[in-house]
Amino acid sequence: MRRTGYTLDFELGKVEEHERVLDEVLVSLSMHAMKRELKESDYLDGGALWETLPKVTQELIRNFNQIPKETRPEMLEQLRGILKKDMEGPRRLIKLFKA
């Protein structure tokens, strides 16, 4: 099957959108984890924003914060590699970070 310019543009657009959502997931994870680690009042147990996050997201953030700070960037890149293979994974995950 021969691909047209339109088909290639469409596929490229899907890849770019996937990358954008993937970036949003990783930035959201980092941001929420940092706020939790800095003990911002809304992110403490019982805090308004913390309580709006799904339990699975809270657990992910707790686990992320247990990783030594110097290895977190590497862990985020590993997570990026895993999620890059799943075109729908980042879309499902980003919903977990919407408070």
PDB file of N, CA and C in Angstrom:
ATOM      1  N   MET A   1       0.840  -1.179   0.000  1.00  0.00           N
ATOM      2  CA  MET A   1       0.000   0.000   0.000  1.00  0.00           C
ATOM      3  C   MET A   1       0.888   1.246   0.000  1.00  0.00           C
ATOM      4  N   ARG A   2       0.611   2.142  -0.877  1.00  0.00           N
ATOM      5  CA  ARG A   2       1.380   3.385  -0.987  1.00  0.00           C
ATOM      6  C   ARG A   2       0.769   4.439  -0.067  1.00  0.00           C
ATOM      7  N   ARG A   3       1.633   5.100   0.689  1.00  0.00           N
ATOM      8  CA  ARG A   3       1.139   6.128   1.600  1.00  0.00           C
ATOM      9  C   ARG A   3       1.173   7.487   0.917  1.00  0.00           C
ATOM     10  N   THR A   4       0.131   8.232   1.112  1.00  0.00           N
ATOM     11  CA  THR A   4       0.065   9.576   0.539  1.00  0.00           C
ATOM     12  C   THR A   4       0.655  10.573   1.523  1.00  0.00           C
ATOM     13  N   GLY A   5       0.914  11.776   1.046  1.00  0.00           N
ATOM     14  CA  GLY A   5       1.409  12.834   1.923  1.00  0.00           C
ATOM     15  C   GLY A   5       0.440  13.103   3.058  1.00  0.00           C
ATOM     16  N   TYR A   6      -0.861  13.044   2.747  1.00  0.00           N
ATOM     17  CA  TYR A   6      -1.881  13.261   3.768  1.00  0.00           C
ATOM     18  C   TYR A   6      -1.781  12.209   4.864  1.00  0.00           C
ATOM     19  N   THR A   7      -1.629  10.952   4.477  1.00  0.00           N
ATOM     20  CA  THR A   7      -1.529   9.867   5.454  1.00  0.00           C
ATOM     21  C   THR A   7      -0.303  10.052   6.334  1.00  0.00           C
ATOM     22  N   LEU A   8       0.822  10.395   5.726  1.00  0.00           N
ATOM     23  CA  LEU A   8       2.043  10.603   6.507  1.00  0.00           C
ATOM     24  C   LEU A   8       1.896  11.791   7.443  1.00  0.00           C
ATOM     25  N   ASP A   9       1.267  12.869   6.972  1.00  0.00           N
ATOM     26  CA  ASP A   9       1.035  14.035   7.828  1.00  0.00           C
ATOM     27  C   ASP A   9       0.139  13.672   9.002  1.00  0.00           C
ATOM     28  N   PHE A  10      -0.896  12.883   8.732  1.00  0.00           N
ATOM     29  CA  PHE A  10      -1.807  12.458   9.789  1.00  0.00           C
ATOM     30  C   PHE A  10      -1.069  11.624  10.829  1.00  0.00           C
ATOM     31  N   GLU A  11      -0.260  10.675  10.367  1.00  0.00           N
ATOM     32  CA  GLU A  11       0.497   9.826  11.286  1.00  0.00           C
ATOM     33  C   GLU A  11       1.508  10.649  12.077  1.00  0.00           C
ATOM     34  N   LEU A  12       2.165  11.589  11.425  1.00  0.00           N
ATOM     35  CA  LEU A  12       3.110  12.462  12.110  1.00  0.00           C
ATOM     36  C   LEU A  12       2.389  13.293  13.168  1.00  0.00           C
ATOM     37  N   GLY A  13       1.205  13.774  12.840  1.00  0.00           N
ATOM     38  CA  GLY A  13       0.399  14.530  13.801  1.00  0.00           C
ATOM     39  C   GLY A  13       0.043  13.700  15.018  1.00  0.00           C
ATOM     40  N   LYS A  14      -0.281  12.425  14.799  1.00  0.00           N
ATOM     41  CA  LYS A  14      -0.598  11.539  15.918  1.00  0.00           C
ATOM     42  C   LYS A  14       0.620  11.334  16.809  1.00  0.00           C
ATOM     43  N   VAL A  15       1.785  11.183  16.208  1.00  0.00           N
ATOM     44  CA  VAL A  15       3.018  10.990  16.975  1.00  0.00           C
ATOM     45  C   VAL A  15       3.332  12.248  17.778  1.00  0.00           C
ATOM     46  N   GLU A  16       3.191  13.410  17.150  1.00  0.00           N
ATOM     47  CA  GLU A  16       3.456  14.669  17.850  1.00  0.00           C
ATOM     48  C   GLU A  16       2.495  14.862  19.014  1.00  0.00           C
ATOM     49  N   GLU A  17       1.223  14.539  18.820  1.00  0.00           N
ATOM     50  CA  GLU A  17       0.231  14.638  19.893  1.00  0.00           C
ATOM     51  C   GLU A  17       0.577  13.666  21.019  1.00  0.00           C
ATOM     52  N   HIS A  18       0.984  12.466  20.659  1.00  0.00           N
ATOM     53  CA  HIS A  18       1.389  11.462  21.648  1.00  0.00           C
ATOM     54  C   HIS A  18       2.556  11.992  22.489  1.00  0.00           C
ATOM     55  N   GLU A  19       3.533  12.589  21.837  1.00  0.00           N
ATOM     56  CA  GLU A  19       4.692  13.154  22.542  1.00  0.00           C
ATOM     57  C   GLU A  19       4.269  14.292  23.466  1.00  0.00           C
ATOM     58  N   ARG A  20       3.340  15.130  23.012  1.00  0.00           N
ATOM     59  CA  ARG A  20       2.869  16.247  23.828  1.00  0.00           C
ATOM     60  C   ARG A  20       2.170  15.746  25.089  1.00  0.00           C
ATOM     61  N   VAL A  21       1.302  14.764  24.935  1.00  0.00           N
ATOM     62  CA  VAL A  21       0.593  14.208  26.089  1.00  0.00           C
ATOM     63  C   VAL A  21       1.576  13.505  27.017  1.00  0.00           C
ATOM     64  N   LEU A  22       2.523  12.803  26.456  1.00  0.00           N
ATOM     65  CA  LEU A  22       3.553  12.130  27.249  1.00  0.00           C
ATOM     66  C   LEU A  22       4.340  13.144  28.078  1.00  0.00           C
ATOM     67  N   ASP A  23       4.724  14.255  27.462  1.00  0.00           N
ATOM     68  CA  ASP A  23       5.413  15.322  28.199  1.00  0.00           C
ATOM     69  C   ASP A  23       4.541  15.845  29.335  1.00  0.00           C
ATOM     70  N   GLU A  24       3.264  16.019  29.055  1.00  0.00           N
ATOM     71  CA  GLU A  24       2.337  16.532  30.066  1.00  0.00           C
ATOM     72  C   GLU A  24       2.234  15.572  31.250  1.00  0.00           C
ATOM     73  N   VAL A  25       2.198  14.282  30.983  1.00  0.00           N
ATOM     74  CA  VAL A  25       2.143  13.282  32.055  1.00  0.00           C
ATOM     75  C   VAL A  25       3.378  13.380  32.940  1.00  0.00           C
ATOM     76  N   LEU A  26       4.550  13.424  32.330  1.00  0.00           N
ATOM     77  CA  LEU A  26       5.793  13.430  33.105  1.00  0.00           C
ATOM     78  C   LEU A  26       5.971  14.732  33.877  1.00  0.00           C
ATOM     79  N   VAL A  27       5.582  15.848  33.284  1.00  0.00           N
ATOM     80  CA  VAL A  27       5.653  17.135  33.989  1.00  0.00           C
ATOM     81  C   VAL A  27       4.665  17.147  35.151  1.00  0.00           C
ATOM     82  N   SER A  28       3.465  16.632  34.942  1.00  0.00           N
ATOM     83  CA  SER A  28       2.469  16.587  36.013  1.00  0.00           C
ATOM     84  C   SER A  28       2.941  15.723  37.171  1.00  0.00           C
ATOM     85  N   LEU A  29       3.488  14.565  36.862  1.00  0.00           N
ATOM     86  CA  LEU A  29       4.017  13.698  37.912  1.00  0.00           C
ATOM     87  C   LEU A  29       5.093  14.435  38.706  1.00  0.00           C
ATOM     88  N   SER A  30       6.027  15.053  38.022  1.00  0.00           N
ATOM     89  CA  SER A  30       7.114  15.771  38.688  1.00  0.00           C
ATOM     90  C   SER A  30       6.587  16.927  39.532  1.00  0.00           C
ATOM     91  N   MET A  31       5.644  17.681  38.991  1.00  0.00           N
ATOM     92  CA  MET A  31       5.100  18.838  39.693  1.00  0.00           C
ATOM     93  C   MET A  31       4.360  18.433  40.966  1.00  0.00           C
ATOM     94  N   HIS A  32       3.467  17.462  40.842  1.00  0.00           N
ATOM     95  CA  HIS A  32       2.722  17.005  42.015  1.00  0.00           C
ATOM     96  C   HIS A  32       3.666  16.410  43.059  1.00  0.00           C
ATOM     97  N   ALA A  33       4.641  15.654  42.612  1.00  0.00           N
ATOM     98  CA  ALA A  33       5.593  15.038  43.543  1.00  0.00           C
ATOM     99  C   ALA A  33       6.402  16.106  44.273  1.00  0.00           C
ATOM    100  N   MET A  34       6.823  17.139  43.562  1.00  0.00           N
ATOM    101  CA  MET A  34       7.602  18.204  44.189  1.00  0.00           C
ATOM    102  C   MET A  34       6.759  18.938  45.236  1.00  0.00           C
ATOM    103  N   LYS A  35       5.516  19.235  44.913  1.00  0.00           N
ATOM    104  CA  LYS A  35       4.649  19.933  45.864  1.00  0.00           C
ATOM    105  C   LYS A  35       4.404  19.080  47.100  1.00  0.00           C
ATOM    106  N   ARG A  36       4.247  17.792  46.890  1.00  0.00           N
ATOM    107  CA  ARG A  36       4.061  16.876  48.021  1.00  0.00           C
ATOM    108  C   ARG A  36       5.328  16.852  48.865  1.00  0.00           C
ATOM    109  N   GLU A  37       6.473  16.759  48.225  1.00  0.00           N
ATOM    110  CA  GLU A  37       7.746  16.683  48.928  1.00  0.00           C
ATOM    111  C   GLU A  37       8.043  17.973  49.701  1.00  0.00           C
ATOM    112  N   LEU A  38       7.642  19.108  49.145  1.00  0.00           N
ATOM    113  CA  LEU A  38       7.848  20.395  49.815  1.00  0.00           C
ATOM    114  C   LEU A  38       6.810  20.648  50.909  1.00  0.00           C
ATOM    115  N   LYS A  39       5.921  19.690  51.072  1.00  0.00           N
ATOM    116  CA  LYS A  39       4.882  19.739  52.101  1.00  0.00           C
ATOM    117  C   LYS A  39       3.973  20.966  51.964  1.00  0.00           C
ATOM    118  N   GLU A  40       3.649  21.298  50.723  1.00  0.00           N
ATOM    119  CA  GLU A  40       2.676  22.363  50.510  1.00  0.00           C
ATOM    120  C   GLU A  40       1.358  21.921  51.131  1.00  0.00           C
ATOM    121  N   SER A  41       0.686  22.846  51.794  1.00  0.00           N
ATOM    122  CA  SER A  41      -0.492  22.487  52.588  1.00  0.00           C
ATOM    123  C   SER A  41      -1.553  21.743  51.788  1.00  0.00           C
ATOM    124  N   ASP A  42      -1.772  22.124  50.551  1.00  0.00           N
ATOM    125  CA  ASP A  42      -2.784  21.440  49.738  1.00  0.00           C
ATOM    126  C   ASP A  42      -2.375  20.023  49.359  1.00  0.00           C
ATOM    127  N   TYR A  43      -1.099  19.682  49.546  1.00  0.00           N
ATOM    128  CA  TYR A  43      -0.602  18.360  49.160  1.00  0.00           C
ATOM    129  C   TYR A  43      -0.289  17.464  50.353  1.00  0.00           C
ATOM    130  N   LEU A  44      -0.577  17.935  51.552  1.00  0.00           N
ATOM    131  CA  LEU A  44      -0.422  17.082  52.729  1.00  0.00           C
ATOM    132  C   LEU A  44      -1.618  16.135  52.792  1.00  0.00           C
ATOM    133  N   ASP A  45      -1.509  15.068  53.590  1.00  0.00           N
ATOM    134  CA  ASP A  45      -2.652  14.182  53.781  1.00  0.00           C
ATOM    135  C   ASP A  45      -3.826  15.020  54.266  1.00  0.00           C
ATOM    136  N   GLY A  46      -4.949  14.888  53.619  1.00  0.00           N
ATOM    137  CA  GLY A  46      -6.126  15.674  53.965  1.00  0.00           C
ATOM    138  C   GLY A  46      -6.183  17.019  53.265  1.00  0.00           C
ATOM    139  N   GLY A  47      -5.123  17.383  52.542  1.00  0.00           N
ATOM    140  CA  GLY A  47      -5.101  18.660  51.818  1.00  0.00           C
ATOM    141  C   GLY A  47      -6.092  18.660  50.667  1.00  0.00           C
ATOM    142  N   ALA A  48      -6.591  19.837  50.347  1.00  0.00           N
ATOM    143  CA  ALA A  48      -7.651  19.963  49.339  1.00  0.00           C
ATOM    144  C   ALA A  48      -7.253  19.368  47.986  1.00  0.00           C
ATOM    145  N   LEU A  49      -6.089  19.726  47.470  1.00  0.00           N
ATOM    146  CA  LEU A  49      -5.685  19.204  46.161  1.00  0.00           C
ATOM    147  C   LEU A  49      -5.283  17.739  46.232  1.00  0.00           C
ATOM    148  N   TRP A  50      -4.618  17.360  47.294  1.00  0.00           N
ATOM    149  CA  TRP A  50      -4.182  15.970  47.447  1.00  0.00           C
ATOM    150  C   TRP A  50      -5.380  15.034  47.428  1.00  0.00           C
ATOM    151  N   GLU A  51      -6.431  15.418  48.121  1.00  0.00           N
ATOM    152  CA  GLU A  51      -7.608  14.548  48.226  1.00  0.00           C
ATOM    153  C   GLU A  51      -8.378  14.442  46.912  1.00  0.00           C
ATOM    154  N   THR A  52      -8.183  15.385  45.990  1.00  0.00           N
ATOM    155  CA  THR A  52      -8.886  15.291  44.706  1.00  0.00           C
ATOM    156  C   THR A  52      -8.193  14.332  43.740  1.00  0.00           C
ATOM    157  N   LEU A  53      -6.931  13.998  44.023  1.00  0.00           N
ATOM    158  CA  LEU A  53      -6.207  13.069  43.148  1.00  0.00           C
ATOM    159  C   LEU A  53      -6.655  11.640  43.426  1.00  0.00           C
ATOM    160  N   PRO A  54      -6.795  10.829  42.395  1.00  0.00           N
ATOM    161  CA  PRO A  54      -7.145   9.420  42.608  1.00  0.00           C
ATOM    162  C   PRO A  54      -6.100   8.722  43.486  1.00  0.00           C
ATOM    163  N   LYS A  55      -6.528   7.725  44.219  1.00  0.00           N
ATOM    164  CA  LYS A  55      -5.625   6.990  45.125  1.00  0.00           C
ATOM    165  C   LYS A  55      -4.427   6.419  44.376  1.00  0.00           C
ATOM    166  N   VAL A  56      -4.634   5.931  43.165  1.00  0.00           N
ATOM    167  CA  VAL A  56      -3.528   5.363  42.390  1.00  0.00           C
ATOM    168  C   VAL A  56      -2.488   6.440  42.072  1.00  0.00           C
ATOM    169  N   THR A  57      -2.936   7.669  41.833  1.00  0.00           N
ATOM    170  CA  THR A  57      -2.014   8.775  41.572  1.00  0.00           C
ATOM    171  C   THR A  57      -1.255   9.134  42.835  1.00  0.00           C
ATOM    172  N   GLN A  58      -1.951   9.162  43.958  1.00  0.00           N
ATOM    173  CA  GLN A  58      -1.288   9.448  45.232  1.00  0.00           C
ATOM    174  C   GLN A  58      -0.187   8.423  45.503  1.00  0.00           C
ATOM    175  N   GLU A  59      -0.482   7.173  45.241  1.00  0.00           N
ATOM    176  CA  GLU A  59       0.509   6.110  45.458  1.00  0.00           C
ATOM    177  C   GLU A  59       1.699   6.267  44.512  1.00  0.00           C
ATOM    178  N   LEU A  60       1.426   6.600  43.274  1.00  0.00           N
ATOM    179  CA  LEU A  60       2.498   6.821  42.301  1.00  0.00           C
ATOM    180  C   LEU A  60       3.408   7.964  42.759  1.00  0.00           C
ATOM    181  N   ILE A  61       2.823   9.032  43.254  1.00  0.00           N
ATOM    182  CA  ILE A  61       3.594  10.179  43.739  1.00  0.00           C
ATOM    183  C   ILE A  61       4.409   9.794  44.966  1.00  0.00           C
ATOM    184  N   ARG A  62       3.805   9.073  45.889  1.00  0.00           N
ATOM    185  CA  ARG A  62       4.553   8.622  47.082  1.00  0.00           C
ATOM    186  C   ARG A  62       5.751   7.766  46.671  1.00  0.00           C
ATOM    187  N   ASN A  63       5.524   6.845  45.754  1.00  0.00           N
ATOM    188  CA  ASN A  63       6.613   5.974  45.290  1.00  0.00           C
ATOM    189  C   ASN A  63       7.699   6.775  44.579  1.00  0.00           C
ATOM    190  N   PHE A  64       7.300   7.726  43.761  1.00  0.00           N
ATOM    191  CA  PHE A  64       8.266   8.565  43.049  1.00  0.00           C
ATOM    192  C   PHE A  64       9.132   9.330  44.046  1.00  0.00           C
ATOM    193  N   ASN A  65       8.524   9.847  45.096  1.00  0.00           N
ATOM    194  CA  ASN A  65       9.270  10.628  46.086  1.00  0.00           C
ATOM    195  C   ASN A  65      10.215   9.775  46.926  1.00  0.00           C
ATOM    196  N   GLN A  66      10.045   8.479  46.918  1.00  0.00           N
ATOM    197  CA  GLN A  66      10.962   7.595  47.648  1.00  0.00           C
ATOM    198  C   GLN A  66      12.227   7.301  46.847  1.00  0.00           C
ATOM    199  N   ILE A  67      12.208   7.592  45.574  1.00  0.00           N
ATOM    200  CA  ILE A  67      13.383   7.380  44.720  1.00  0.00           C
ATOM    201  C   ILE A  67      14.393   8.479  45.036  1.00  0.00           C
ATOM    202  N   PRO A  68      15.672   8.152  45.149  1.00  0.00           N
ATOM    203  CA  PRO A  68      16.674   9.203  45.390  1.00  0.00           C
ATOM    204  C   PRO A  68      16.587  10.295  44.318  1.00  0.00           C
ATOM    205  N   LYS A  69      16.699  11.547  44.751  1.00  0.00           N
ATOM    206  CA  LYS A  69      16.538  12.685  43.834  1.00  0.00           C
ATOM    207  C   LYS A  69      17.449  12.603  42.617  1.00  0.00           C
ATOM    208  N   GLU A  70      18.669  12.124  42.825  1.00  0.00           N
ATOM    209  CA  GLU A  70      19.619  12.104  41.706  1.00  0.00           C
ATOM    210  C   GLU A  70      19.252  11.079  40.635  1.00  0.00           C
ATOM    211  N   THR A  71      18.410  10.113  40.957  1.00  0.00           N
ATOM    212  CA  THR A  71      18.023   9.111  39.951  1.00  0.00           C
ATOM    213  C   THR A  71      16.630   9.362  39.359  1.00  0.00           C
ATOM    214  N   ARG A  72      15.938  10.380  39.826  1.00  0.00           N
ATOM    215  CA  ARG A  72      14.586  10.657  39.311  1.00  0.00           C
ATOM    216  C   ARG A  72      14.563  10.990  37.820  1.00  0.00           C
ATOM    217  N   PRO A  73      15.484  11.816  37.321  1.00  0.00           N
ATOM    218  CA  PRO A  73      15.455  12.081  35.874  1.00  0.00           C
ATOM    219  C   PRO A  73      15.609  10.805  35.040  1.00  0.00           C
ATOM    220  N   GLU A  74      16.461   9.915  35.490  1.00  0.00           N
ATOM    221  CA  GLU A  74      16.647   8.641  34.778  1.00  0.00           C
ATOM    222  C   GLU A  74      15.367   7.814  34.821  1.00  0.00           C
ATOM    223  N   MET A  75      14.704   7.804  35.970  1.00  0.00           N
ATOM    224  CA  MET A  75      13.459   7.057  36.098  1.00  0.00           C
ATOM    225  C   MET A  75      12.386   7.644  35.183  1.00  0.00           C
ATOM    226  N   LEU A  76      12.331   8.971  35.080  1.00  0.00           N
ATOM    227  CA  LEU A  76      11.357   9.602  34.186  1.00  0.00           C
ATOM    228  C   LEU A  76      11.625   9.230  32.730  1.00  0.00           C
ATOM    229  N   GLU A  77      12.885   9.152  32.350  1.00  0.00           N
ATOM    230  CA  GLU A  77      13.227   8.750  30.979  1.00  0.00           C
ATOM    231  C   GLU A  77      12.859   7.290  30.725  1.00  0.00           C
ATOM    232  N   GLN A  78      13.043   6.443  31.730  1.00  0.00           N
ATOM    233  CA  GLN A  78      12.636   5.041  31.584  1.00  0.00           C
ATOM    234  C   GLN A  78      11.122   4.956  31.432  1.00  0.00           C
ATOM    235  N   LEU A  79      10.415   5.734  32.236  1.00  0.00           N
ATOM    236  CA  LEU A  79       8.954   5.767  32.140  1.00  0.00           C
ATOM    237  C   LEU A  79       8.528   6.278  30.762  1.00  0.00           C
ATOM    238  N   ARG A  80       9.213   7.295  30.262  1.00  0.00           N
ATOM    239  CA  ARG A  80       8.932   7.812  28.914  1.00  0.00           C
ATOM    240  C   ARG A  80       9.088   6.697  27.879  1.00  0.00           C
ATOM    241  N   GLY A  81      10.164   5.928  27.981  1.00  0.00           N
ATOM    242  CA  GLY A  81      10.406   4.836  27.042  1.00  0.00           C
ATOM    243  C   GLY A  81       9.309   3.791  27.068  1.00  0.00           C
ATOM    244  N   ILE A  82       8.835   3.482  28.260  1.00  0.00           N
ATOM    245  CA  ILE A  82       7.759   2.496  28.401  1.00  0.00           C
ATOM    246  C   ILE A  82       6.462   3.039  27.800  1.00  0.00           C
ATOM    247  N   LEU A  83       6.125   4.277  28.158  1.00  0.00           N
ATOM    248  CA  LEU A  83       4.864   4.860  27.697  1.00  0.00           C
ATOM    249  C   LEU A  83       4.868   5.190  26.210  1.00  0.00           C
ATOM    250  N   LYS A  84       6.034   5.417  25.654  1.00  0.00           N
ATOM    251  CA  LYS A  84       6.131   5.756  24.231  1.00  0.00           C
ATOM    252  C   LYS A  84       5.618   4.614  23.355  1.00  0.00           C
ATOM    253  N   LYS A  85       5.716   3.403  23.859  1.00  0.00           N
ATOM    254  CA  LYS A  85       5.298   2.223  23.098  1.00  0.00           C
ATOM    255  C   LYS A  85       3.781   2.054  23.082  1.00  0.00           C
ATOM    256  N   ASP A  86       3.097   2.731  23.994  1.00  0.00           N
ATOM    257  CA  ASP A  86       1.649   2.583  24.139  1.00  0.00           C
ATOM    258  C   ASP A  86       0.983   3.897  23.742  1.00  0.00           C
ATOM    259  N   MET A  87       0.391   3.939  22.572  1.00  0.00           N
ATOM    260  CA  MET A  87      -0.185   5.191  22.069  1.00  0.00           C
ATOM    261  C   MET A  87      -1.332   5.705  22.939  1.00  0.00           C
ATOM    262  N   GLU A  88      -2.011   4.852  23.656  1.00  0.00           N
ATOM    263  CA  GLU A  88      -3.130   5.296  24.487  1.00  0.00           C
ATOM    264  C   GLU A  88      -2.742   5.468  25.954  1.00  0.00           C
ATOM    265  N   GLY A  89      -1.625   4.905  26.371  1.00  0.00           N
ATOM    266  CA  GLY A  89      -1.210   4.977  27.772  1.00  0.00           C
ATOM    267  C   GLY A  89      -1.140   6.383  28.332  1.00  0.00           C
ATOM    268  N   PRO A  90      -0.429   7.303  27.679  1.00  0.00           N
ATOM    269  CA  PRO A  90      -0.351   8.660  28.213  1.00  0.00           C
ATOM    270  C   PRO A  90      -1.709   9.348  28.327  1.00  0.00           C
ATOM    271  N   ARG A  91      -2.603   9.086  27.382  1.00  0.00           N
ATOM    272  CA  ARG A  91      -3.944   9.690  27.461  1.00  0.00           C
ATOM    273  C   ARG A  91      -4.699   9.192  28.688  1.00  0.00           C
ATOM    274  N   ARG A  92      -4.558   7.922  28.994  1.00  0.00           N
ATOM    275  CA  ARG A  92      -5.210   7.382  30.191  1.00  0.00           C
ATOM    276  C   ARG A  92      -4.557   7.944  31.447  1.00  0.00           C
ATOM    277  N   LEU A  93      -3.230   8.029  31.443  1.00  0.00           N
ATOM    278  CA  LEU A  93      -2.512   8.497  32.626  1.00  0.00           C
ATOM    279  C   LEU A  93      -2.758   9.963  32.934  1.00  0.00           C
ATOM    280  N   ILE A  94      -2.837  10.806  31.920  1.00  0.00           N
ATOM    281  CA  ILE A  94      -2.986  12.235  32.187  1.00  0.00           C
ATOM    282  C   ILE A  94      -4.262  12.503  32.965  1.00  0.00           C
ATOM    283  N   LYS A  95      -5.281  11.687  32.773  1.00  0.00           N
ATOM    284  CA  LYS A  95      -6.531  11.847  33.522  1.00  0.00           C
ATOM    285  C   LYS A  95      -6.315  11.643  35.014  1.00  0.00           C
ATOM    286  N   LEU A  96      -5.318  10.858  35.379  1.00  0.00           N
ATOM    287  CA  LEU A  96      -5.042  10.611  36.792  1.00  0.00           C
ATOM    288  C   LEU A  96      -4.439  11.822  37.489  1.00  0.00           C
ATOM    289  N   PHE A  97      -3.901  12.763  36.724  1.00  0.00           N
ATOM    290  CA  PHE A  97      -3.245  13.927  37.315  1.00  0.00           C
ATOM    291  C   PHE A  97      -4.112  15.178  37.282  1.00  0.00           C
ATOM    292  N   LYS A  98      -5.296  15.060  36.762  1.00  0.00           N
ATOM    293  CA  LYS A  98      -6.191  16.214  36.712  1.00  0.00           C
ATOM    294  C   LYS A  98      -6.930  16.318  38.036  1.00  0.00           C
ATOM    295  N   ALA A  99      -6.628  17.368  38.757  1.00  0.00           N
ATOM    296  CA  ALA A  99      -7.276  17.573  40.064  1.00  0.00           C
ATOM    297  C   ALA A  99      -8.472  18.481  39.897  1.00  0.00           C
TER     298      ALA A  99
END
